[in-house]
Every structure is written in C-alpha cells, then in structure tokens.
Amino acid sequence: MSWNDGSMRDLPGADEPLDPTDVAVLTRLARIVAEADPVPDGLVERSRFAMTLAGLEAEVMELQLIEAPAGSVRGEAPPLEARTITFTHERLTVMIALSAADDGEHVRVDGWVAPPGGGIVVELRQPGGDRTTQTDDDGRFVLEAVDRGPASLLVRPAGAAAVTTPVVEF
C-alpha cells in the first residue's frame, strides 16, 4: 500500500484531522527516527548550498585537472599540502592552487583567470556563506582563511555571462 495508489484513504479516520493522540504518536515516531537514523551533520547546509547552485543561471565550467596530495582519503580532512585544480570553459579558464592557511585549519586559495583582466569578480560560494574578490590586471586573485568543505566559484567577467565551477571539496 502507498499514499499514491489511494488505498490508504480506505483506512478508518484517514480523512479526519489530526487529534492530540495522532500528534503524540507522530512526536514519538520522530524521536525514534532521530535516534535511530539522525540527519548527518551539515546535510541541511549542503542541501541548501546544492539547491542554490542548481538555481544559478550561469554556464558551468568543466573540471579539467585535480592533483591531490598522496594519501588523501575520505573522512577527516587530511593535512592539505597543496592541490591545483583547473576549470575550463570556451570563454575562460580558472586555475586555483589550494594550500593550508597559516592557522592550519583553513585553506588559502590562490587563483588565476585567463584571459587575464583586472576587475573580474570572483565569488566563492560555500554553505557557510559567500565571499567576493576581484582579479588584478594579471587575472590573479587570493582568498585567505577559507573554510574547508564544499565550494564553487562564480566568475563574472565584465560584459559577459557569469560562469560557475562544479562544487569541489576544499
């Protein structure tokens, strides 16, 4: 039986409003589910972040290259030695170098946009919030003390449509 096939409507009381007993049963059930299968930490934020990205009306860049440090595994974040990621699009290329920030807890992002140009807006998008910077005349930008976790870049060249990168793990 499922709610979609209409068979649940044949149950006694199915069309009646919820009463205090129903609310009590549902409250207990919610508590049991929360204990047995809790929502993973950060899932709500990651979901909202993914939905925000999906709603962007920007062209998506293609991930070209990832060089990860040896021994990188899923789970706790390994010490980030250095990693270079390049994204390409027919109109531009973005390369970022990720390295451990001085505090050891955050990431430093050194980036370059080609073709170069000053004033290209680069927006870092993460579940915890967005940060914006601009490129210098050589197309270079820096983001200090970036939180580890999922992130993407939205690049807005002057006079052209914005381009976004896929989400990657910093």
C-alpha atoms as a PDB file:
ATOM      1  CA  MET A   1       0.000   0.000   0.000  1.00  0.00           C
ATOM      2  CA  SER A   2       1.131   3.533  -0.636  1.00  0.00           C
ATOM      3  CA  TRP A   3      -0.310   7.008  -0.319  1.00  0.00           C
ATOM      4  CA  ASN A   4      -0.221   7.397  -4.097  1.00  0.00           C
ATOM      5  CA  ASP A   5      -2.445   4.465  -5.054  1.00  0.00           C
ATOM      6  CA  GLY A   6      -5.398   5.653  -2.955  1.00  0.00           C
ATOM      7  CA  SER A   7      -5.590   2.509  -0.798  1.00  0.00           C
ATOM      8  CA  MET A   8      -4.607   4.398   2.372  1.00  0.00           C
ATOM      9  CA  ARG A   9      -7.721   6.544   2.061  1.00  0.00           C
ATOM     10  CA  ASP A  10      -9.834   3.468   2.837  1.00  0.00           C
ATOM     11  CA  LEU A  11      -8.444   3.297   6.391  1.00  0.00           C
ATOM     12  CA  PRO A  12     -10.847   4.409   9.152  1.00  0.00           C
ATOM     13  CA  GLY A  13     -10.159   8.026  10.114  1.00  0.00           C
ATOM     14  CA  ALA A  14      -7.776   8.664   7.198  1.00  0.00           C
ATOM     15  CA  ASP A  15      -9.746  11.741   6.107  1.00  0.00           C
ATOM     16  CA  GLU A  16     -10.130  13.168   9.636  1.00  0.00           C
ATOM     17  CA  PRO A  17      -7.890  15.944  11.022  1.00  0.00           C
ATOM     18  CA  LEU A  18      -5.072  15.043  13.410  1.00  0.00           C
ATOM     19  CA  ASP A  19      -6.062  14.827  17.065  1.00  0.00           C
ATOM     20  CA  PRO A  20      -3.813  15.026  20.182  1.00  0.00           C
ATOM     21  CA  THR A  21      -3.267  11.240  20.126  1.00  0.00           C
ATOM     22  CA  ASP A  22      -2.063  11.416  16.497  1.00  0.00           C
ATOM     23  CA  VAL A  23       0.296  14.248  17.386  1.00  0.00           C
ATOM     24  CA  ALA A  24       1.682  12.271  20.352  1.00  0.00           C
ATOM     25  CA  VAL A  25       2.273   9.175  18.191  1.00  0.00           C
ATOM     26  CA  LEU A  26       3.954  11.215  15.472  1.00  0.00           C
ATOM     27  CA  THR A  27       6.121  13.022  18.057  1.00  0.00           C
ATOM     28  CA  ARG A  28       7.312   9.674  19.481  1.00  0.00           C
ATOM     29  CA  LEU A  29       7.957   8.336  15.986  1.00  0.00           C
ATOM     30  CA  ALA A  30      10.010  11.432  15.122  1.00  0.00           C
ATOM     31  CA  ARG A  31      12.080  10.968  18.293  1.00  0.00           C
ATOM     32  CA  ILE A  32      12.713   7.271  17.480  1.00  0.00           C
ATOM     33  CA  VAL A  33      13.729   8.071  13.893  1.00  0.00           C
ATOM     34  CA  ALA A  34      16.023  10.891  15.082  1.00  0.00           C
ATOM     35  CA  GLU A  35      17.779   8.484  17.471  1.00  0.00           C
ATOM     36  CA  ALA A  36      17.949   5.518  15.082  1.00  0.00           C
ATOM     37  CA  ASP A  37      18.846   7.417  11.908  1.00  0.00           C
ATOM     38  CA  PRO A  38      19.795  11.036  12.655  1.00  0.00           C
ATOM     39  CA  VAL A  39      20.249  13.609   9.930  1.00  0.00           C
ATOM     40  CA  PRO A  40      24.009  13.765   9.174  1.00  0.00           C
ATOM     41  CA  ASP A  41      25.833  16.879  10.389  1.00  0.00           C
ATOM     42  CA  GLY A  42      25.867  19.574   7.747  1.00  0.00           C
ATOM     43  CA  LEU A  43      23.325  17.857   5.468  1.00  0.00           C
ATOM     44  CA  VAL A  44      20.833  20.716   5.611  1.00  0.00           C
ATOM     45  CA  GLU A  45      23.506  23.304   4.805  1.00  0.00           C
ATOM     46  CA  ARG A  46      24.965  21.164   1.985  1.00  0.00           C
ATOM     47  CA  SER A  47      21.478  20.621   0.546  1.00  0.00           C
ATOM     48  CA  ARG A  48      20.679  24.331   0.588  1.00  0.00           C
ATOM     49  CA  PHE A  49      24.055  25.043  -0.997  1.00  0.00           C
ATOM     50  CA  ALA A  50      23.421  22.496  -3.759  1.00  0.00           C
ATOM     51  CA  MET A  51      19.956  23.923  -4.435  1.00  0.00           C
ATOM     52  CA  THR A  52      21.372  27.437  -4.637  1.00  0.00           C
ATOM     53  CA  LEU A  53      23.952  26.304  -7.162  1.00  0.00           C
ATOM     54  CA  ALA A  54      21.350  24.427  -9.177  1.00  0.00           C
ATOM     55  CA  GLY A  55      19.310  27.610  -9.395  1.00  0.00           C
ATOM     56  CA  LEU A  56      22.113  29.675 -10.842  1.00  0.00           C
ATOM     57  CA  GLU A  57      21.612  30.755 -14.399  1.00  0.00           C
ATOM     58  CA  ALA A  58      25.275  30.560 -15.189  1.00  0.00           C
ATOM     59  CA  GLU A  59      27.181  28.406 -17.591  1.00  0.00           C
ATOM     60  CA  VAL A  60      29.133  25.623 -15.917  1.00  0.00           C
ATOM     61  CA  MET A  61      32.840  25.155 -16.398  1.00  0.00           C
ATOM     62  CA  GLU A  62      34.398  21.748 -16.873  1.00  0.00           C
ATOM     63  CA  LEU A  63      36.744  20.331 -14.274  1.00  0.00           C
ATOM     64  CA  GLN A  64      39.994  19.541 -16.090  1.00  0.00           C
ATOM     65  CA  LEU A  65      42.609  18.501 -13.594  1.00  0.00           C
ATOM     66  CA  ILE A  66      42.929  17.670  -9.932  1.00  0.00           C
ATOM     67  CA  GLU A  67      46.270  16.991  -8.355  1.00  0.00           C
ATOM     68  CA  ALA A  68      45.695  15.741  -4.835  1.00  0.00           C
ATOM     69  CA  PRO A  69      48.338  15.030  -2.235  1.00  0.00           C
ATOM     70  CA  ALA A  70      49.316  11.383  -1.860  1.00  0.00           C
ATOM     71  CA  GLY A  71      47.355   9.565   0.786  1.00  0.00           C
ATOM     72  CA  SER A  72      44.208  11.694   0.511  1.00  0.00           C
ATOM     73  CA  VAL A  73      41.222   9.748   1.754  1.00  0.00           C
ATOM     74  CA  ARG A  74      37.625  10.478   2.621  1.00  0.00           C
ATOM     75  CA  GLY A  75      36.737  11.132   6.219  1.00  0.00           C
ATOM     76  CA  GLU A  76      38.630  13.592   8.353  1.00  0.00           C
ATOM     77  CA  ALA A  77      40.359  16.244   6.296  1.00  0.00           C
ATOM     78  CA  PRO A  78      43.973  15.245   5.714  1.00  0.00           C
ATOM     79  CA  PRO A  79      46.590  17.932   6.127  1.00  0.00           C
ATOM     80  CA  LEU A  80      46.408  19.905   2.905  1.00  0.00           C
ATOM     81  CA  GLU A  81      49.886  20.149   1.425  1.00  0.00           C
ATOM     82  CA  ALA A  82      48.956  21.649  -1.932  1.00  0.00           C
ATOM     83  CA  ARG A  83      46.455  20.935  -4.654  1.00  0.00           C
ATOM     84  CA  THR A  84      45.911  22.515  -8.040  1.00  0.00           C
ATOM     85  CA  ILE A  85      42.574  22.469  -9.841  1.00  0.00           C
ATOM     86  CA  THR A  86      41.918  23.816 -13.321  1.00  0.00           C
ATOM     87  CA  PHE A  87      38.467  24.580 -14.740  1.00  0.00           C
ATOM     88  CA  THR A  88      37.926  25.326 -18.423  1.00  0.00           C
ATOM     89  CA  HIS A  89      35.146  26.895 -20.418  1.00  0.00           C
ATOM     90  CA  GLU A  90      35.067  28.036 -24.021  1.00  0.00           C
ATOM     91  CA  ARG A  91      35.427  31.668 -22.889  1.00  0.00           C
ATOM     92  CA  LEU A  92      37.819  31.378 -19.948  1.00  0.00           C
ATOM     93  CA  THR A  93      39.983  29.175 -17.752  1.00  0.00           C
ATOM     94  CA  VAL A  94      40.315  29.343 -13.975  1.00  0.00           C
ATOM     95  CA  MET A  95      43.163  27.708 -12.116  1.00  0.00           C
ATOM     96  CA  ILE A  96      43.272  27.585  -8.337  1.00  0.00           C
ATOM     97  CA  ALA A  97      46.005  26.413  -6.004  1.00  0.00           C
ATOM     98  CA  LEU A  98      44.830  25.303  -2.583  1.00  0.00           C
ATOM     99  CA  SER A  99      47.235  25.267   0.329  1.00  0.00           C
ATOM    100  CA  ALA A 100      46.949  25.113   4.093  1.00  0.00           C
ATOM    101  CA  ALA A 101      46.434  28.529   5.667  1.00  0.00           C
ATOM    102  CA  ASP A 102      48.818  29.669   8.391  1.00  0.00           C
ATOM    103  CA  ASP A 103      46.379  28.579  11.116  1.00  0.00           C
ATOM    104  CA  GLY A 104      46.323  25.010   9.768  1.00  0.00           C
ATOM    105  CA  GLU A 105      42.524  24.880   9.939  1.00  0.00           C
ATOM    106  CA  HIS A 106      41.625  26.866   6.848  1.00  0.00           C
ATOM    107  CA  VAL A 107      42.645  26.868   3.206  1.00  0.00           C
ATOM    108  CA  ARG A 108      44.312  29.611   1.189  1.00  0.00           C
ATOM    109  CA  VAL A 109      43.113  29.911  -2.399  1.00  0.00           C
ATOM    110  CA  ASP A 110      45.453  31.456  -4.968  1.00  0.00           C
ATOM    111  CA  GLY A 111      43.716  31.763  -8.315  1.00  0.00           C
ATOM    112  CA  TRP A 112      44.201  32.956 -11.864  1.00  0.00           C
ATOM    113  CA  VAL A 113      41.634  33.716 -14.555  1.00  0.00           C
ATOM    114  CA  ALA A 114      42.615  33.581 -18.234  1.00  0.00           C
ATOM    115  CA  PRO A 115      42.329  35.574 -20.316  1.00  0.00           C
ATOM    116  CA  PRO A 116      43.552  37.968 -17.653  1.00  0.00           C
ATOM    117  CA  GLY A 117      41.948  41.243 -16.794  1.00  0.00           C
ATOM    118  CA  GLY A 118      41.524  43.459 -13.802  1.00  0.00           C
ATOM    119  CA  GLY A 119      38.226  43.685 -12.014  1.00  0.00           C
ATOM    120  CA  ILE A 120      36.823  40.271 -12.902  1.00  0.00           C
ATOM    121  CA  VAL A 121      34.540  39.420  -9.992  1.00  0.00           C
ATOM    122  CA  VAL A 122      35.209  36.033  -8.390  1.00  0.00           C
ATOM    123  CA  GLU A 123      32.682  34.811  -5.844  1.00  0.00           C
ATOM    124  CA  LEU A 124      33.477  31.881  -3.551  1.00  0.00           C
ATOM    125  CA  ARG A 125      30.283  30.014  -2.654  1.00  0.00           C
ATOM    126  CA  GLN A 126      30.158  27.770   0.420  1.00  0.00           C
ATOM    127  CA  PRO A 127      27.378  26.560   2.708  1.00  0.00           C
ATOM    128  CA  GLY A 128      28.613  28.926   5.449  1.00  0.00           C
ATOM    129  CA  GLY A 129      28.378  31.995   3.201  1.00  0.00           C
ATOM    130  CA  ASP A 130      29.752  33.634   0.106  1.00  0.00           C
ATOM    131  CA  ARG A 131      32.865  35.805  -0.299  1.00  0.00           C
ATOM    132  CA  THR A 132      33.714  38.048  -3.214  1.00  0.00           C
ATOM    133  CA  THR A 133      37.007  39.345  -4.558  1.00  0.00           C
ATOM    134  CA  GLN A 134      38.335  40.753  -7.821  1.00  0.00           C
ATOM    135  CA  THR A 135      41.229  39.860 -10.064  1.00  0.00           C
ATOM    136  CA  ASP A 136      44.193  42.140 -10.612  1.00  0.00           C
ATOM    137  CA  ASP A 137      45.367  43.132 -14.111  1.00  0.00           C
ATOM    138  CA  ASP A 138      47.132  39.757 -14.474  1.00  0.00           C
ATOM    139  CA  GLY A 139      43.942  37.835 -13.633  1.00  0.00           C
ATOM    140  CA  ARG A 140      45.207  36.842 -10.175  1.00  0.00           C
ATOM    141  CA  PHE A 141      43.065  36.661  -7.023  1.00  0.00           C
ATOM    142  CA  VAL A 142      43.576  35.411  -3.461  1.00  0.00           C
ATOM    143  CA  LEU A 143      41.130  34.233  -0.807  1.00  0.00           C
ATOM    144  CA  GLU A 144      42.600  33.827   2.678  1.00  0.00           C
ATOM    145  CA  ALA A 145      41.293  31.642   5.523  1.00  0.00           C
ATOM    146  CA  VAL A 146      38.657  29.754   3.513  1.00  0.00           C
ATOM    147  CA  ASP A 147      36.658  27.135   5.406  1.00  0.00           C
ATOM    148  CA  ARG A 148      37.278  23.518   4.419  1.00  0.00           C
ATOM    149  CA  GLY A 149      34.361  21.788   2.754  1.00  0.00           C
ATOM    150  CA  PRO A 150      32.326  22.000  -0.440  1.00  0.00           C
ATOM    151  CA  ALA A 151      32.842  25.129  -2.517  1.00  0.00           C
ATOM    152  CA  SER A 152      32.459  26.519  -6.000  1.00  0.00           C
ATOM    153  CA  LEU A 153      33.498  29.696  -7.747  1.00  0.00           C
ATOM    154  CA  LEU A 154      31.231  32.012  -9.698  1.00  0.00           C
ATOM    155  CA  VAL A 155      33.273  34.108 -12.148  1.00  0.00           C
ATOM    156  CA  ARG A 156      31.726  37.266 -13.592  1.00  0.00           C
ATOM    157  CA  PRO A 157      33.806  38.713 -16.436  1.00  0.00           C
ATOM    158  CA  ALA A 158      32.900  42.291 -17.343  1.00  0.00           C
ATOM    159  CA  GLY A 159      30.335  42.393 -20.126  1.00  0.00           C
ATOM    160  CA  ALA A 160      29.891  38.607 -20.276  1.00  0.00           C
ATOM    161  CA  ALA A 161      27.666  35.975 -18.686  1.00  0.00           C
ATOM    162  CA  ALA A 162      28.760  34.513 -15.365  1.00  0.00           C
ATOM    163  CA  VAL A 163      30.426  31.108 -15.341  1.00  0.00           C
ATOM    164  CA  THR A 164      30.434  28.723 -12.391  1.00  0.00           C
ATOM    165  CA  THR A 165      32.705  25.853 -11.464  1.00  0.00           C
ATOM    166  CA  PRO A 166      31.471  22.490 -10.247  1.00  0.00           C
ATOM    167  CA  VAL A 167      31.444  22.001  -6.498  1.00  0.00           C
ATOM    168  CA  VAL A 168      34.755  20.687  -5.186  1.00  0.00           C
ATOM    169  CA  GLU A 169      35.963  19.828  -1.704  1.00  0.00           C
ATOM    170  CA  PHE A 170      38.447  22.328  -0.219  1.00  0.00           C
END
